[in-house]
Structure formats: structure tokens, C-alpha cells
């Protein structure tokens, strides 16, 4: 079973949800009627602040700020897989060579 280190988890938590969405899901972000707020094209009850990255999925009553939480709770990506995905994309984590 694959595992991740504390360092990888810390690195994965560095990316905010809004940064992740702007980089990797730009077509999913739709400007909301509220100032500085966006929603997802596929989930209109999902709102995210463009500056603070605080998000809330109102219909499911869950929220967060990090890309890691977003991937787990909104996209349903398993924890280990989400950490690995973000570490591949995150410049703050450089894997140790074996």
C-alpha cells in the first residue's frame, strides 16, 4: 500500500484551492454574482473566495482552503493519491533520490 511522508503532506497543503483551480481547472471556475467570489460550473452551490481561497460547498456543508481538502472532498480523490498529485505539481517539494 502506498504511503506518504509528513513532508509530502506539508508540501501538498501549501497549494490553495483557488490556485489549484486557476491552474488546472480554469474552465470549471465561473464568476459568481458576489464580489470576488467564484463557483464551479458543475456545482453551483460550491463557492470559493478568489483572494482568501476559502471555499464552501453549501449543499454538502463542507469547506476548506487547501487544494488537498478540495481534491479529497469535492473531487473524491483518495488522500494518498491527492498528496502525490499535489507533490508532483508543487515546486516546494522535491522528492529525495533513493
C-alpha atoms as a PDB file:
ATOM      1  CA  UNK A   1       0.000   0.000   0.000  1.00  0.00           C
ATOM      2  CA  UNK A   2       1.463   3.388  -0.988  1.00  0.00           C
ATOM      3  CA  UNK A   3       2.326   5.813   1.773  1.00  0.00           C
ATOM      4  CA  UNK A   4       3.216   9.459   2.007  1.00  0.00           C
ATOM      5  CA  UNK A   5       5.562  11.223   4.404  1.00  0.00           C
ATOM      6  CA  UNK A   6       4.774  14.148   6.693  1.00  0.00           C
ATOM      7  CA  UNK A   7       6.951  16.300   4.455  1.00  0.00           C
ATOM      8  CA  UNK A   8       4.850  15.364   1.431  1.00  0.00           C
ATOM      9  CA  UNK A   9       1.631  16.135   3.314  1.00  0.00           C
ATOM     10  CA  UNK A  10       3.029  19.519   4.387  1.00  0.00           C
ATOM     11  CA  UNK A  11       4.070  20.270   0.806  1.00  0.00           C
ATOM     12  CA  UNK A  12       0.660  19.245  -0.532  1.00  0.00           C
ATOM     13  CA  UNK A  13      -1.032  21.581   1.942  1.00  0.00           C
ATOM     14  CA  UNK A  14       0.915  24.561   0.579  1.00  0.00           C
ATOM     15  CA  UNK A  15      -1.219  24.918  -2.543  1.00  0.00           C
ATOM     16  CA  UNK A  16      -4.507  26.742  -2.067  1.00  0.00           C
ATOM     17  CA  UNK A  17      -7.700  25.557  -3.692  1.00  0.00           C
ATOM     18  CA  UNK A  18      -8.083  28.712  -5.782  1.00  0.00           C
ATOM     19  CA  UNK A  19      -4.507  28.370  -7.064  1.00  0.00           C
ATOM     20  CA  UNK A  20      -5.172  24.744  -8.000  1.00  0.00           C
ATOM     21  CA  UNK A  21      -8.439  25.576  -9.745  1.00  0.00           C
ATOM     22  CA  UNK A  22      -6.971  28.507 -11.666  1.00  0.00           C
ATOM     23  CA  UNK A  23      -4.029  26.392 -12.849  1.00  0.00           C
ATOM     24  CA  UNK A  24      -5.594  23.013 -13.508  1.00  0.00           C
ATOM     25  CA  UNK A  25      -9.376  23.522 -13.758  1.00  0.00           C
ATOM     26  CA  UNK A  26      -9.753  27.032 -15.218  1.00  0.00           C
ATOM     27  CA  UNK A  27     -12.812  26.060 -17.256  1.00  0.00           C
ATOM     28  CA  UNK A  28     -14.573  24.930 -14.075  1.00  0.00           C
ATOM     29  CA  UNK A  29     -14.376  28.373 -12.426  1.00  0.00           C
ATOM     30  CA  UNK A  30     -17.312  30.677 -13.085  1.00  0.00           C
ATOM     31  CA  UNK A  31     -17.514  34.215 -11.735  1.00  0.00           C
ATOM     32  CA  UNK A  32     -20.241  34.419  -9.111  1.00  0.00           C
ATOM     33  CA  UNK A  33     -22.586  37.332  -8.529  1.00  0.00           C
ATOM     34  CA  UNK A  34     -20.841  38.059  -5.218  1.00  0.00           C
ATOM     35  CA  UNK A  35     -17.775  40.305  -5.407  1.00  0.00           C
ATOM     36  CA  UNK A  36     -14.508  38.341  -5.595  1.00  0.00           C
ATOM     37  CA  UNK A  37     -16.268  35.004  -5.479  1.00  0.00           C
ATOM     38  CA  UNK A  38     -16.383  32.106  -7.922  1.00  0.00           C
ATOM     39  CA  UNK A  39     -18.386  28.932  -8.221  1.00  0.00           C
ATOM     40  CA  UNK A  40     -17.846  25.684 -10.056  1.00  0.00           C
ATOM     41  CA  UNK A  41     -19.608  25.219 -13.359  1.00  0.00           C
ATOM     42  CA  UNK A  42     -20.651  21.710 -12.339  1.00  0.00           C
ATOM     43  CA  UNK A  43     -21.655  22.597  -8.730  1.00  0.00           C
ATOM     44  CA  UNK A  44     -23.443  25.933  -8.365  1.00  0.00           C
ATOM     45  CA  UNK A  45     -23.660  25.548  -4.576  1.00  0.00           C
ATOM     46  CA  UNK A  46     -19.836  25.473  -4.384  1.00  0.00           C
ATOM     47  CA  UNK A  47     -18.427  28.943  -3.707  1.00  0.00           C
ATOM     48  CA  UNK A  48     -14.789  29.984  -3.372  1.00  0.00           C
ATOM     49  CA  UNK A  49     -13.286  33.346  -2.498  1.00  0.00           C
ATOM     50  CA  UNK A  50     -10.795  34.469  -5.145  1.00  0.00           C
ATOM     51  CA  UNK A  51      -8.487  36.153  -2.623  1.00  0.00           C
ATOM     52  CA  UNK A  52      -8.602  34.051   0.533  1.00  0.00           C
ATOM     53  CA  UNK A  53      -9.258  30.705  -1.201  1.00  0.00           C
ATOM     54  CA  UNK A  54     -11.820  29.798   1.459  1.00  0.00           C
ATOM     55  CA  UNK A  55     -14.384  27.521  -0.132  1.00  0.00           C
ATOM     56  CA  UNK A  56     -17.727  26.154   0.966  1.00  0.00           C
ATOM     57  CA  UNK A  57     -19.896  23.567  -0.735  1.00  0.00           C
ATOM     58  CA  UNK A  58     -23.227  24.612   0.707  1.00  0.00           C
ATOM     59  CA  UNK A  59     -25.294  21.615  -0.379  1.00  0.00           C
ATOM     60  CA  UNK A  60     -22.863  19.252   1.380  1.00  0.00           C
ATOM     61  CA  UNK A  61     -21.941  21.632   4.224  1.00  0.00           C
ATOM     62  CA  UNK A  62     -18.201  21.116   3.818  1.00  0.00           C
ATOM     63  CA  UNK A  63     -15.439  23.619   3.261  1.00  0.00           C
ATOM     64  CA  UNK A  64     -11.775  24.374   3.457  1.00  0.00           C
ATOM     65  CA  UNK A  65      -8.958  26.358   1.952  1.00  0.00           C
ATOM     66  CA  UNK A  66      -6.318  23.965   0.651  1.00  0.00           C
ATOM     67  CA  UNK A  67      -6.156  22.183  -2.680  1.00  0.00           C
ATOM     68  CA  UNK A  68      -5.691  18.937  -0.738  1.00  0.00           C
ATOM     69  CA  UNK A  69      -9.062  19.274   1.017  1.00  0.00           C
ATOM     70  CA  UNK A  70     -10.674  20.312  -2.269  1.00  0.00           C
ATOM     71  CA  UNK A  71      -9.391  17.237  -4.086  1.00  0.00           C
ATOM     72  CA  UNK A  72     -10.471  14.892  -1.299  1.00  0.00           C
ATOM     73  CA  UNK A  73     -13.917  16.312  -0.507  1.00  0.00           C
ATOM     74  CA  UNK A  74     -15.060  17.742  -3.840  1.00  0.00           C
ATOM     75  CA  UNK A  75     -13.377  15.590  -6.475  1.00  0.00           C
ATOM     76  CA  UNK A  76     -13.295  12.432  -4.339  1.00  0.00           C
ATOM     77  CA  UNK A  77      -9.587  11.746  -4.815  1.00  0.00           C
ATOM     78  CA  UNK A  78      -8.185   9.351  -2.169  1.00  0.00           C
ATOM     79  CA  UNK A  79      -5.878  11.063   0.364  1.00  0.00           C
ATOM     80  CA  UNK A  80      -2.601   9.384  -0.657  1.00  0.00           C
ATOM     81  CA  UNK A  81      -3.297   9.927  -4.346  1.00  0.00           C
ATOM     82  CA  UNK A  82      -4.191  13.601  -3.736  1.00  0.00           C
ATOM     83  CA  UNK A  83      -0.963  14.190  -1.794  1.00  0.00           C
ATOM     84  CA  UNK A  84       1.088  12.530  -4.526  1.00  0.00           C
ATOM     85  CA  UNK A  85      -0.670  14.535  -7.233  1.00  0.00           C
ATOM     86  CA  UNK A  86      -0.051  17.826  -5.457  1.00  0.00           C
ATOM     87  CA  UNK A  87       3.566  16.965  -4.700  1.00  0.00           C
ATOM     88  CA  UNK A  88       4.150  16.346  -8.388  1.00  0.00           C
ATOM     89  CA  UNK A  89       2.686  19.774  -9.138  1.00  0.00           C
ATOM     90  CA  UNK A  90       4.149  21.629  -6.159  1.00  0.00           C
ATOM     91  CA  UNK A  91       7.561  23.234  -6.593  1.00  0.00           C
ATOM     92  CA  UNK A  92       8.085  23.300  -2.791  1.00  0.00           C
ATOM     93  CA  UNK A  93       8.507  19.536  -2.559  1.00  0.00           C
ATOM     94  CA  UNK A  94      11.447  17.866  -4.254  1.00  0.00           C
ATOM     95  CA  UNK A  95      11.463  14.075  -3.799  1.00  0.00           C
ATOM     96  CA  UNK A  96      14.534  12.604  -2.148  1.00  0.00           C
ATOM     97  CA  UNK A  97      16.551  10.479  -4.544  1.00  0.00           C
ATOM     98  CA  UNK A  98      16.812   6.860  -3.409  1.00  0.00           C
END
